[in-house]
Protein backbone atom coordinates (compact mmCIF):
# COMPACT_ATOMS: atom_id res chain seq x y z
CA UNK A 1 66.13 23.65 21.45
CA UNK A 2 67.62 20.69 23.30
CA UNK A 3 69.33 18.17 21.19
CA UNK A 4 69.94 15.11 23.42
CA UNK A 5 67.65 12.47 22.24
CA UNK A 6 67.34 10.59 25.57
CA UNK A 7 65.67 13.46 27.21
CA UNK A 8 62.76 13.51 24.85
CA UNK A 9 59.64 12.20 25.85
CA UNK A 10 56.16 11.96 24.19
CA UNK A 11 53.46 14.52 25.85
CA UNK A 12 50.07 15.25 24.49
CA UNK A 13 48.76 19.00 23.96
CA UNK A 14 45.00 20.10 24.45
CA UNK A 15 44.47 22.33 21.40
CA UNK A 16 41.84 24.70 20.40
CA UNK A 17 38.69 22.66 18.61
CA UNK A 18 39.85 22.12 15.28
CA UNK A 19 43.68 23.52 15.48
CA UNK A 20 45.35 20.35 15.34
CA UNK A 21 46.49 20.25 12.11
CA UNK A 22 47.44 23.84 12.23
CA UNK A 23 49.68 23.50 15.27
CA UNK A 24 50.92 20.14 14.08
CA UNK A 25 52.50 22.45 11.34
CA UNK A 26 53.55 25.37 13.08
CA UNK A 27 55.26 23.18 15.75
CA UNK A 28 57.06 20.90 12.87
CA UNK A 29 58.21 24.35 11.28
CA UNK A 30 59.84 25.74 14.70
CA UNK A 31 61.96 22.35 14.71
CA UNK A 32 59.77 20.45 17.06
CA UNK A 33 58.89 16.63 16.41
CA UNK A 34 55.18 16.99 16.39
CA UNK A 35 52.69 14.27 15.40
CA UNK A 36 48.76 14.36 14.49
CA UNK A 37 47.20 11.27 14.14
CA UNK A 38 45.08 11.05 10.69
CA UNK A 39 42.72 9.00 9.42
CA UNK A 40 40.85 9.31 6.16
CA UNK A 41 36.67 9.43 6.49
CA UNK A 42 34.29 9.87 3.75
CA UNK A 43 31.98 12.70 3.91
CA UNK A 44 28.79 13.53 2.11
CA UNK A 45 27.66 16.58 0.90
CA UNK A 46 24.54 17.19 -0.81
CA UNK A 47 26.11 17.05 -4.32
CA UNK A 48 29.16 14.89 -3.72
CA UNK A 49 31.38 12.37 -1.41
CA UNK A 50 34.84 13.51 -0.24
CA UNK A 51 37.62 12.15 1.23
CA UNK A 52 39.28 13.95 4.04
CA UNK A 53 41.83 13.27 6.94
CA UNK A 54 40.63 13.96 10.22
CA UNK A 55 42.60 13.75 13.26
CA UNK A 56 42.12 10.70 15.27
CA UNK A 57 42.31 12.30 18.59
CA UNK A 58 40.10 15.66 18.65
CA UNK A 59 41.97 18.68 20.06
CA UNK A 60 45.22 16.81 20.76
CA UNK A 61 48.51 16.84 19.25
CA UNK A 62 51.68 15.08 20.35
CA UNK A 63 55.30 16.25 20.95
CA UNK A 64 58.38 14.69 21.61
CA UNK A 65 60.26 17.30 23.25
CA UNK A 66 62.99 18.05 26.43
CA UNK A 67 61.68 19.45 29.32
CA UNK A 68 63.27 22.53 28.34
CA UNK A 69 61.36 23.19 25.14
CA UNK A 70 57.75 22.89 27.01
CA UNK A 71 57.78 26.97 27.47
CA UNK A 72 58.17 27.25 23.44
CA UNK A 73 55.58 24.79 22.87
CA UNK A 74 53.14 26.38 25.05
CA UNK A 75 53.87 29.89 23.27
CA UNK A 76 52.61 28.18 20.06
CA UNK A 77 49.09 29.98 19.03
CA UNK A 78 46.10 27.40 19.16
CA UNK A 79 47.77 25.56 22.20
CA UNK A 80 45.86 25.60 25.18
CA UNK A 81 48.43 23.26 27.59
CA UNK A 82 49.85 20.05 28.10
CA UNK A 83 47.56 17.08 28.96
CA UNK A 84 48.13 16.60 32.82
CA UNK A 85 47.75 13.10 34.83
CA UNK A 86 48.36 13.15 38.44
CA UNK A 87 49.33 16.76 38.35
CA UNK A 88 52.14 16.21 35.84
CA UNK A 89 52.49 16.75 32.43
CA UNK A 90 51.35 13.24 30.86
CA UNK A 91 54.21 11.09 29.33
CA UNK A 92 53.06 8.90 26.38
CA UNK A 93 54.93 5.79 26.23
CA UNK A 94 57.13 5.34 23.24
CA UNK A 95 55.04 2.03 22.78
CA UNK A 96 51.63 3.45 22.59
CA UNK A 97 52.66 6.34 19.91
CA UNK A 98 54.51 3.34 17.92
CA UNK A 99 51.33 1.37 18.18
CA UNK A 100 49.12 3.80 17.08
CA UNK A 101 51.48 4.96 13.93
CA UNK A 102 51.88 1.17 13.01
CA UNK A 103 47.75 0.58 13.31
CA UNK A 104 47.00 3.61 11.43
CA UNK A 105 49.50 2.17 8.43
CA UNK A 106 47.30 -0.47 7.78
CA UNK A 107 44.37 -0.79 4.95
CA UNK A 108 41.23 0.46 6.38
CA UNK A 109 42.33 1.33 9.85
CA UNK A 110 39.51 3.06 12.03
CA UNK A 111 40.13 4.54 15.51
CA UNK A 112 37.48 5.81 17.30
CA UNK A 113 38.08 7.73 20.78
CA UNK A 114 35.81 7.73 23.72
CA UNK A 115 36.35 9.30 27.25
CA UNK A 116 37.76 6.81 29.48
CA UNK A 117 34.98 7.84 32.53
CA UNK A 118 32.29 6.61 30.04
CA UNK A 119 33.66 2.57 30.57
CA UNK A 120 33.92 0.36 33.34
CA UNK A 121 36.73 -2.24 33.98
CA UNK A 122 35.85 -6.01 32.85
CA UNK A 123 38.08 -8.91 31.65
CA UNK A 124 41.98 -9.24 30.79
CA UNK A 125 42.42 -10.08 26.97
CA UNK A 126 45.43 -10.96 24.69
CA UNK A 127 45.69 -10.37 21.25
CA UNK A 128 46.89 -13.04 19.36
CA UNK A 129 47.20 -12.00 16.03
CA UNK A 130 48.03 -8.47 14.19
CA UNK A 131 49.84 -5.33 14.70
CA UNK A 132 48.94 -5.63 18.75
CA UNK A 133 49.45 -8.94 18.98
CA UNK A 134 50.95 -10.51 22.65
CA UNK A 135 49.78 -7.21 24.05
CA UNK A 136 47.18 -7.63 26.87
CA UNK A 137 44.38 -4.83 27.66
CA UNK A 138 41.37 -5.02 29.74
CA UNK A 139 38.06 -5.15 27.80
CA UNK A 140 36.08 -2.14 29.11
CA UNK A 141 33.52 -2.88 26.49
CA UNK A 142 32.27 -4.99 23.64
CA UNK A 143 30.00 -4.14 20.70
CA UNK A 144 28.73 -7.35 19.01
CA UNK A 145 31.85 -9.67 18.58
CA UNK A 146 33.84 -7.48 16.96
CA UNK A 147 34.89 -4.19 19.05
CA UNK A 148 37.64 -4.49 21.98
CA UNK A 149 38.18 -1.21 23.76
CA UNK A 150 42.21 -0.84 24.75
CA UNK A 151 43.03 1.79 27.82
CA UNK A 152 45.40 4.28 27.29
CA UNK A 153 46.27 5.37 30.56
CA UNK A 154 48.19 8.23 30.02
CA UNK A 155 46.15 9.86 27.88
CA UNK A 156 43.11 9.16 29.97
CA UNK A 157 41.32 7.99 26.93
CA UNK A 158 39.94 4.59 25.03
CA UNK A 159 41.54 3.59 21.75
CA UNK A 160 38.94 1.59 20.25
CA UNK A 161 39.93 -0.97 17.84
CA UNK A 162 37.85 -3.35 15.86
CA UNK A 163 39.39 -7.20 16.26
CA UNK A 164 37.46 -10.21 14.93
CA UNK A 165 36.69 -12.22 18.22
CA UNK A 166 39.17 -15.56 16.90
CA UNK A 167 42.24 -12.84 17.50
CA UNK A 168 42.01 -12.67 20.92
CA UNK A 169 42.09 -14.69 24.13
CA UNK A 170 40.94 -14.59 27.45
CA UNK A 171 44.16 -14.12 29.91
CA UNK A 172 43.98 -17.16 32.14
CA UNK A 173 43.70 -15.95 35.77
CA UNK A 174 46.52 -17.50 38.05
CA UNK A 175 44.35 -20.10 40.73
CA UNK A 176 45.06 -19.21 44.33
CA UNK A 177 46.52 -21.31 46.73
CA UNK A 178 44.77 -21.83 49.73
CA UNK A 179 46.90 -22.55 52.90
């Protein structure tokens, strides 16, 4: 396996349904840097409630590898393929991974994922408080006054993050000068 850290990039893997945690464990045992973001959810059974850790991204696991390690990852049981974007394996920016990790460490953090195809572009916003402070995004849909949908282009997914309305500010458009 390649050891040059500069050659390594984050990629998203598409997995068999409900195999995310198992694949993550298997890849780590192989010495591959892997991450399956989890969040706690309360499940109700007929006789009890139980807190379980579920993958945030259903059927996705992230790996940080060099190009030479792709075959070893694909040969892992349960891995279907890399997620492709514009005909090549989608490279996930380090900032996106760091933002998700930071957000999930916050108390009561909840992320809901929905397909990007189900939303339309709207206005630009800037987050002025919290872990996503100073980041700009496109509001692709709102729910009441609390939810803002932030697009993760490289995954073709939308990460749903709840913000209080006062934590957001519209990005002022520069006026166009007329000749």
